[in-house]
């Protein structure tokens, strides 16, 4: 099935205490081959992941920027630490999967 702007799918990922966390995702922007924007909805909140592909001499660089609502309360206070320690490493690991797949083919 081709991926187009407006395509919707379900994604499962890891969160603390929820290793099969479900997200409903929509492709909200697609500018092949340089930009992909995915918007997911989780508990009424929107999370926007923007992937930008930039050619470099050795191949391509993929950058991922995530815009998400800041949690409230105590979690909101410690969220920058949680994001750096837990979330960002997992997001970086997620970008190594396409690299490994492409290099293997």
C-alpha atoms as a PDB file:
ATOM      1  CA  UNK A   1       0.000   0.000   0.000  1.00  0.00           C
ATOM      2  CA  UNK A   2       1.518   3.376  -0.936  1.00  0.00           C
ATOM      3  CA  UNK A   3       2.037   5.968   1.783  1.00  0.00           C
ATOM      4  CA  UNK A   4       0.439   9.294   0.875  1.00  0.00           C
ATOM      5  CA  UNK A   5      -0.511  12.449   2.729  1.00  0.00           C
ATOM      6  CA  UNK A   6      -3.627  11.531   4.707  1.00  0.00           C
ATOM      7  CA  UNK A   7      -2.635   7.863   5.135  1.00  0.00           C
ATOM      8  CA  UNK A   8      -3.588   6.586   8.599  1.00  0.00           C
ATOM      9  CA  UNK A   9      -2.111   3.657  10.505  1.00  0.00           C
ATOM     10  CA  UNK A  10      -1.691   2.257  13.994  1.00  0.00           C
ATOM     11  CA  UNK A  11       1.723   2.252  15.625  1.00  0.00           C
ATOM     12  CA  UNK A  12       2.857   0.396  18.730  1.00  0.00           C
ATOM     13  CA  UNK A  13       5.780   1.618  20.793  1.00  0.00           C
ATOM     14  CA  UNK A  14       7.332   1.557  24.223  1.00  0.00           C
ATOM     15  CA  UNK A  15       6.494   3.801  27.173  1.00  0.00           C
ATOM     16  CA  UNK A  16       7.386   3.223  30.820  1.00  0.00           C
ATOM     17  CA  UNK A  17       4.871   0.668  32.155  1.00  0.00           C
ATOM     18  CA  UNK A  18       3.369   0.191  28.666  1.00  0.00           C
ATOM     19  CA  UNK A  19       5.605  -1.759  26.299  1.00  0.00           C
ATOM     20  CA  UNK A  20       2.875  -2.098  23.634  1.00  0.00           C
ATOM     21  CA  UNK A  21       1.615   1.486  23.653  1.00  0.00           C
ATOM     22  CA  UNK A  22      -0.841   2.177  20.814  1.00  0.00           C
ATOM     23  CA  UNK A  23      -0.933   5.375  18.735  1.00  0.00           C
ATOM     24  CA  UNK A  24      -3.211   6.336  15.881  1.00  0.00           C
ATOM     25  CA  UNK A  25      -1.015   8.089  13.321  1.00  0.00           C
ATOM     26  CA  UNK A  26      -1.662  10.176  10.206  1.00  0.00           C
ATOM     27  CA  UNK A  27       0.777  11.266   7.506  1.00  0.00           C
ATOM     28  CA  UNK A  28       0.132  15.017   7.649  1.00  0.00           C
ATOM     29  CA  UNK A  29       2.869  16.088   5.250  1.00  0.00           C
ATOM     30  CA  UNK A  30       4.869  14.223   2.644  1.00  0.00           C
ATOM     31  CA  UNK A  31       7.470  15.831   0.395  1.00  0.00           C
ATOM     32  CA  UNK A  32       9.309  12.842  -1.046  1.00  0.00           C
ATOM     33  CA  UNK A  33      12.236  12.343  -0.641  1.00  0.00           C
ATOM     34  CA  UNK A  34      13.102  15.070   1.878  1.00  0.00           C
ATOM     35  CA  UNK A  35      10.313  15.479   4.438  1.00  0.00           C
ATOM     36  CA  UNK A  36       7.757  13.373   6.300  1.00  0.00           C
ATOM     37  CA  UNK A  37       5.485  14.627   9.075  1.00  0.00           C
ATOM     38  CA  UNK A  38       3.539  12.153  11.209  1.00  0.00           C
ATOM     39  CA  UNK A  39       0.900  13.326  13.669  1.00  0.00           C
ATOM     40  CA  UNK A  40      -0.213  10.886  16.336  1.00  0.00           C
ATOM     41  CA  UNK A  41      -3.051  11.269  18.787  1.00  0.00           C
ATOM     42  CA  UNK A  42      -2.726   9.842  22.263  1.00  0.00           C
ATOM     43  CA  UNK A  43      -5.278  10.468  24.997  1.00  0.00           C
ATOM     44  CA  UNK A  44      -6.584  13.515  23.155  1.00  0.00           C
ATOM     45  CA  UNK A  45      -3.124  15.093  22.755  1.00  0.00           C
ATOM     46  CA  UNK A  46      -1.262  15.510  19.472  1.00  0.00           C
ATOM     47  CA  UNK A  47       2.369  14.545  18.958  1.00  0.00           C
ATOM     48  CA  UNK A  48       4.069  15.686  15.761  1.00  0.00           C
ATOM     49  CA  UNK A  49       7.178  13.909  14.436  1.00  0.00           C
ATOM     50  CA  UNK A  50       8.976  15.625  11.575  1.00  0.00           C
ATOM     51  CA  UNK A  51      11.593  13.672   9.632  1.00  0.00           C
ATOM     52  CA  UNK A  52      13.931  15.597   7.345  1.00  0.00           C
ATOM     53  CA  UNK A  53      16.318  13.842   4.959  1.00  0.00           C
ATOM     54  CA  UNK A  54      19.390  15.779   3.850  1.00  0.00           C
ATOM     55  CA  UNK A  55      21.841  14.412   1.269  1.00  0.00           C
ATOM     56  CA  UNK A  56      25.450  14.231   2.461  1.00  0.00           C
ATOM     57  CA  UNK A  57      28.536  12.869   0.653  1.00  0.00           C
ATOM     58  CA  UNK A  58      28.317   9.517   2.451  1.00  0.00           C
ATOM     59  CA  UNK A  59      24.569   9.061   1.814  1.00  0.00           C
ATOM     60  CA  UNK A  60      21.862  10.878   3.755  1.00  0.00           C
ATOM     61  CA  UNK A  61      21.257  12.325   7.200  1.00  0.00           C
ATOM     62  CA  UNK A  62      17.845  11.785   8.817  1.00  0.00           C
ATOM     63  CA  UNK A  63      16.808  14.267  11.481  1.00  0.00           C
ATOM     64  CA  UNK A  64      13.774  13.718  13.691  1.00  0.00           C
ATOM     65  CA  UNK A  65      12.120  16.550  15.594  1.00  0.00           C
ATOM     66  CA  UNK A  66       9.264  15.765  17.968  1.00  0.00           C
ATOM     67  CA  UNK A  67       6.778  18.338  19.185  1.00  0.00           C
ATOM     68  CA  UNK A  68       4.698  17.151  22.096  1.00  0.00           C
ATOM     69  CA  UNK A  69       2.624  18.654  24.880  1.00  0.00           C
ATOM     70  CA  UNK A  70       4.432  19.167  28.164  1.00  0.00           C
ATOM     71  CA  UNK A  71       3.036  16.990  30.938  1.00  0.00           C
ATOM     72  CA  UNK A  72       1.489  18.742  33.906  1.00  0.00           C
ATOM     73  CA  UNK A  73       2.261  18.419  37.592  1.00  0.00           C
ATOM     74  CA  UNK A  74       5.349  16.729  38.980  1.00  0.00           C
ATOM     75  CA  UNK A  75       5.960  14.826  35.739  1.00  0.00           C
ATOM     76  CA  UNK A  76       6.113  18.166  33.924  1.00  0.00           C
ATOM     77  CA  UNK A  77       8.859  19.315  36.271  1.00  0.00           C
ATOM     78  CA  UNK A  78      11.045  16.266  35.709  1.00  0.00           C
ATOM     79  CA  UNK A  79      10.031  15.722  32.076  1.00  0.00           C
ATOM     80  CA  UNK A  80      13.186  17.330  30.592  1.00  0.00           C
ATOM     81  CA  UNK A  81      15.279  14.780  32.510  1.00  0.00           C
ATOM     82  CA  UNK A  82      13.010  11.871  31.489  1.00  0.00           C
ATOM     83  CA  UNK A  83      13.085  12.987  27.873  1.00  0.00           C
ATOM     84  CA  UNK A  84      16.874  13.132  27.798  1.00  0.00           C
ATOM     85  CA  UNK A  85      17.415   9.883  29.733  1.00  0.00           C
ATOM     86  CA  UNK A  86      14.656   7.653  28.356  1.00  0.00           C
ATOM     87  CA  UNK A  87      12.790   9.081  25.391  1.00  0.00           C
ATOM     88  CA  UNK A  88      15.563  10.571  23.269  1.00  0.00           C
ATOM     89  CA  UNK A  89      17.775   7.435  23.310  1.00  0.00           C
ATOM     90  CA  UNK A  90      14.794   5.323  22.215  1.00  0.00           C
ATOM     91  CA  UNK A  91      13.990   7.760  19.395  1.00  0.00           C
ATOM     92  CA  UNK A  92      17.625   7.684  18.255  1.00  0.00           C
ATOM     93  CA  UNK A  93      17.583   3.886  18.340  1.00  0.00           C
ATOM     94  CA  UNK A  94      14.472   3.982  16.146  1.00  0.00           C
ATOM     95  CA  UNK A  95      16.415   5.846  13.466  1.00  0.00           C
ATOM     96  CA  UNK A  96      19.096   3.150  13.341  1.00  0.00           C
ATOM     97  CA  UNK A  97      16.558   0.563  12.130  1.00  0.00           C
ATOM     98  CA  UNK A  98      15.986   2.150   8.696  1.00  0.00           C
ATOM     99  CA  UNK A  99      19.743   2.678   8.344  1.00  0.00           C
ATOM    100  CA  UNK A 100      20.464  -0.988   9.043  1.00  0.00           C
ATOM    101  CA  UNK A 101      17.688  -2.125   6.692  1.00  0.00           C
ATOM    102  CA  UNK A 102      18.929   0.068   3.852  1.00  0.00           C
ATOM    103  CA  UNK A 103      22.550  -0.951   4.324  1.00  0.00           C
ATOM    104  CA  UNK A 104      21.603  -4.652   4.322  1.00  0.00           C
ATOM    105  CA  UNK A 105      19.777  -4.416   0.990  1.00  0.00           C
END
